[in-house]
N, C-alpha and C. Protein backbone atom coordinates (compact mmCIF):
# COMPACT_ATOMS: atom_id res chain seq x y z
N MET A 1 111.60 143.36 80.64
CA MET A 1 112.99 143.65 80.92
C MET A 1 113.81 142.40 80.61
N SER A 2 114.80 142.55 79.76
CA SER A 2 115.64 141.40 79.43
C SER A 2 116.65 141.16 80.54
N ASN A 3 117.11 139.95 80.59
CA ASN A 3 118.05 139.57 81.65
C ASN A 3 119.45 139.51 81.05
N PRO A 4 120.33 140.46 81.38
CA PRO A 4 121.63 140.53 80.72
C PRO A 4 122.58 139.38 81.07
N ILE A 5 122.41 138.73 82.20
CA ILE A 5 123.33 137.66 82.57
C ILE A 5 122.77 136.28 82.29
N GLY A 6 121.58 136.20 81.72
CA GLY A 6 121.01 134.92 81.39
C GLY A 6 120.59 134.11 82.60
N ASP A 7 120.12 134.77 83.64
CA ASP A 7 119.70 134.09 84.86
C ASP A 7 118.42 133.30 84.59
N PRO A 8 118.44 131.98 84.80
CA PRO A 8 117.24 131.18 84.51
C PRO A 8 116.15 131.31 85.57
N GLY A 9 116.38 132.03 86.64
CA GLY A 9 115.36 132.21 87.66
C GLY A 9 115.69 131.52 88.97
N HIS A 10 116.45 130.45 88.92
CA HIS A 10 116.85 129.72 90.11
C HIS A 10 115.70 129.41 91.05
N GLY A 11 114.58 129.00 90.50
CA GLY A 11 113.48 128.56 91.33
C GLY A 11 112.55 129.63 91.83
N HIS A 12 112.59 130.81 91.26
CA HIS A 12 111.69 131.86 91.69
C HIS A 12 110.35 131.68 90.99
N SER A 13 109.65 130.61 91.35
CA SER A 13 108.37 130.31 90.73
C SER A 13 107.43 129.75 91.79
N PRO A 14 106.13 129.80 91.52
CA PRO A 14 105.20 129.22 92.49
C PRO A 14 105.46 127.74 92.74
N ALA A 15 105.85 127.00 91.73
CA ALA A 15 106.14 125.57 91.91
C ALA A 15 107.31 125.36 92.86
N ALA A 16 108.37 126.12 92.67
CA ALA A 16 109.56 125.96 93.52
C ALA A 16 109.27 126.40 94.95
N TRP A 17 108.60 127.54 95.11
CA TRP A 17 108.30 128.02 96.46
C TRP A 17 107.41 127.04 97.21
N THR A 18 106.40 126.51 96.54
CA THR A 18 105.50 125.56 97.18
C THR A 18 106.25 124.30 97.60
N ALA A 19 107.08 123.77 96.70
CA ALA A 19 107.85 122.56 97.01
C ALA A 19 108.79 122.80 98.18
N VAL A 20 109.48 123.91 98.19
CA VAL A 20 110.44 124.19 99.26
C VAL A 20 109.74 124.37 100.60
N ILE A 21 108.60 125.04 100.62
CA ILE A 21 107.88 125.24 101.88
C ILE A 21 107.40 123.91 102.44
N ILE A 22 106.83 123.06 101.59
CA ILE A 22 106.36 121.76 102.05
C ILE A 22 107.53 120.93 102.57
N MET A 23 108.64 120.93 101.84
CA MET A 23 109.80 120.14 102.27
C MET A 23 110.42 120.70 103.55
N LEU A 24 110.43 122.02 103.71
CA LEU A 24 110.95 122.62 104.94
C LEU A 24 110.12 122.22 106.15
N VAL A 25 108.81 122.18 105.98
CA VAL A 25 107.94 121.74 107.08
C VAL A 25 108.24 120.28 107.41
N GLY A 26 108.41 119.45 106.38
CA GLY A 26 108.73 118.04 106.62
C GLY A 26 110.05 117.86 107.35
N VAL A 27 111.06 118.61 106.96
CA VAL A 27 112.36 118.51 107.63
C VAL A 27 112.28 119.01 109.07
N ALA A 28 111.56 120.10 109.29
CA ALA A 28 111.43 120.63 110.65
C ALA A 28 110.72 119.62 111.56
N ILE A 29 109.64 119.03 111.06
CA ILE A 29 108.92 118.03 111.85
C ILE A 29 109.82 116.83 112.11
N GLY A 30 110.52 116.36 111.09
CA GLY A 30 111.40 115.21 111.24
C GLY A 30 112.51 115.46 112.23
N THR A 31 113.10 116.64 112.19
CA THR A 31 114.18 116.97 113.12
C THR A 31 113.67 117.01 114.55
N PHE A 32 112.52 117.65 114.74
CA PHE A 32 111.96 117.75 116.09
C PHE A 32 111.66 116.37 116.67
N PHE A 33 111.01 115.52 115.90
CA PHE A 33 110.64 114.20 116.41
C PHE A 33 111.82 113.22 116.43
N PHE A 34 112.88 113.51 115.68
CA PHE A 34 114.10 112.71 115.81
C PHE A 34 114.69 112.87 117.20
N PHE A 35 114.70 114.11 117.69
CA PHE A 35 115.23 114.36 119.03
C PHE A 35 114.31 113.82 120.12
N LEU A 36 113.03 113.67 119.82
CA LEU A 36 112.10 113.08 120.78
C LEU A 36 112.08 111.56 120.67
N ASP A 37 112.89 111.01 119.78
CA ASP A 37 113.01 109.56 119.59
C ASP A 37 111.67 108.91 119.23
N MET A 38 111.04 109.49 118.18
CA MET A 38 109.78 108.94 117.67
C MET A 38 109.96 108.61 116.19
N PRO A 39 110.55 107.44 115.89
CA PRO A 39 110.92 107.13 114.51
C PRO A 39 109.75 107.05 113.54
N VAL A 40 108.57 106.70 114.00
CA VAL A 40 107.43 106.62 113.09
C VAL A 40 107.12 108.00 112.51
N VAL A 41 107.14 109.02 113.35
CA VAL A 41 106.86 110.38 112.88
C VAL A 41 108.01 110.88 112.00
N VAL A 42 109.23 110.46 112.28
CA VAL A 42 110.36 110.84 111.44
C VAL A 42 110.16 110.28 110.03
N TRP A 43 109.72 109.04 109.93
CA TRP A 43 109.48 108.44 108.61
C TRP A 43 108.29 109.10 107.91
N ILE A 44 107.29 109.49 108.67
CA ILE A 44 106.17 110.23 108.07
C ILE A 44 106.65 111.56 107.52
N SER A 45 107.54 112.22 108.25
CA SER A 45 108.07 113.50 107.77
C SER A 45 108.92 113.30 106.51
N ALA A 46 109.61 112.17 106.41
CA ALA A 46 110.34 111.88 105.17
C ALA A 46 109.36 111.74 104.01
N GLY A 47 108.20 111.18 104.28
CA GLY A 47 107.16 111.11 103.26
C GLY A 47 106.65 112.48 102.87
N ILE A 48 106.57 113.39 103.85
CA ILE A 48 106.15 114.76 103.56
C ILE A 48 107.15 115.45 102.64
N VAL A 49 108.43 115.20 102.88
CA VAL A 49 109.47 115.77 102.01
C VAL A 49 109.30 115.23 100.58
N LEU A 50 109.05 113.95 100.46
CA LEU A 50 108.83 113.35 99.13
C LEU A 50 107.58 113.94 98.47
N ILE A 51 106.53 114.13 99.24
CA ILE A 51 105.31 114.74 98.70
C ILE A 51 105.59 116.16 98.22
N GLY A 52 106.40 116.90 98.96
CA GLY A 52 106.76 118.26 98.53
C GLY A 52 107.47 118.26 97.19
N ALA A 53 108.38 117.31 97.00
CA ALA A 53 109.08 117.22 95.72
C ALA A 53 108.11 116.87 94.59
N LEU A 54 107.18 115.98 94.86
CA LEU A 54 106.20 115.60 93.84
C LEU A 54 105.23 116.75 93.52
N VAL A 55 104.85 117.50 94.54
CA VAL A 55 103.98 118.66 94.31
C VAL A 55 104.69 119.70 93.45
N GLY A 56 105.96 119.97 93.74
CA GLY A 56 106.72 120.91 92.93
C GLY A 56 106.86 120.45 91.50
N TRP A 57 107.12 119.17 91.31
CA TRP A 57 107.24 118.62 89.96
C TRP A 57 105.91 118.73 89.22
N GLY A 58 104.82 118.38 89.92
CA GLY A 58 103.51 118.46 89.30
C GLY A 58 103.12 119.88 88.94
N MET A 59 103.40 120.82 89.82
CA MET A 59 103.09 122.22 89.51
C MET A 59 103.93 122.73 88.35
N SER A 60 105.18 122.27 88.26
CA SER A 60 106.03 122.66 87.15
C SER A 60 105.47 122.13 85.84
N LYS A 61 105.02 120.88 85.86
CA LYS A 61 104.43 120.29 84.65
C LYS A 61 103.11 120.96 84.29
N ALA A 62 102.41 121.51 85.30
CA ALA A 62 101.14 122.20 85.06
C ALA A 62 101.34 123.63 84.56
N GLY A 63 102.59 124.09 84.47
CA GLY A 63 102.87 125.41 83.92
C GLY A 63 103.26 126.46 84.93
N TYR A 64 103.43 126.09 86.17
CA TYR A 64 103.78 127.06 87.21
C TYR A 64 105.27 127.09 87.52
N GLY A 65 106.08 126.45 86.70
CA GLY A 65 107.53 126.45 86.87
C GLY A 65 108.14 127.74 86.34
N ALA A 66 109.46 127.86 86.41
CA ALA A 66 110.15 129.09 86.02
C ALA A 66 109.94 129.45 84.55
N ASN A 67 109.79 128.48 83.69
CA ASN A 67 109.59 128.76 82.27
C ASN A 67 108.19 128.38 81.80
N GLY A 68 107.28 128.17 82.71
CA GLY A 68 105.92 127.75 82.37
C GLY A 68 105.07 128.89 81.87
N PRO A 69 104.02 128.55 81.12
CA PRO A 69 103.14 129.60 80.56
C PRO A 69 102.29 130.32 81.61
N LYS A 70 102.09 129.72 82.77
CA LYS A 70 101.26 130.35 83.80
C LYS A 70 102.08 131.16 84.79
N TYR A 71 103.38 131.28 84.57
CA TYR A 71 104.26 132.01 85.48
C TYR A 71 104.67 133.32 84.86
N ALA A 72 104.48 134.41 85.60
CA ALA A 72 104.88 135.74 85.15
C ALA A 72 106.02 136.23 86.06
N PRO A 73 107.26 136.26 85.54
CA PRO A 73 108.38 136.69 86.40
C PRO A 73 108.25 138.17 86.77
N LYS A 74 108.75 138.48 87.96
CA LYS A 74 108.73 139.87 88.44
C LYS A 74 110.07 140.51 88.16
N ASP A 75 110.04 141.81 87.90
CA ASP A 75 111.29 142.54 87.72
C ASP A 75 111.99 142.71 89.04
N HIS A 76 113.29 142.67 89.02
CA HIS A 76 114.08 142.81 90.25
C HIS A 76 114.45 144.24 90.48
């Protein structure tokens, strides 16, 4: 099915979903421990967010991005 409006996918790929889920977990942990005044865990959660971005980038380079050869888009 062709896409009449030229929608590039806006992150509907395994790489994007994986990155967003990892980063959401990192932000949730960081927010919770920020209110508990535990700065070490907040900084660890910032690292988790960075790891999520790197995982998404790596998966995109491995072909799981929106235009990658290992990604099969679904019809809407």
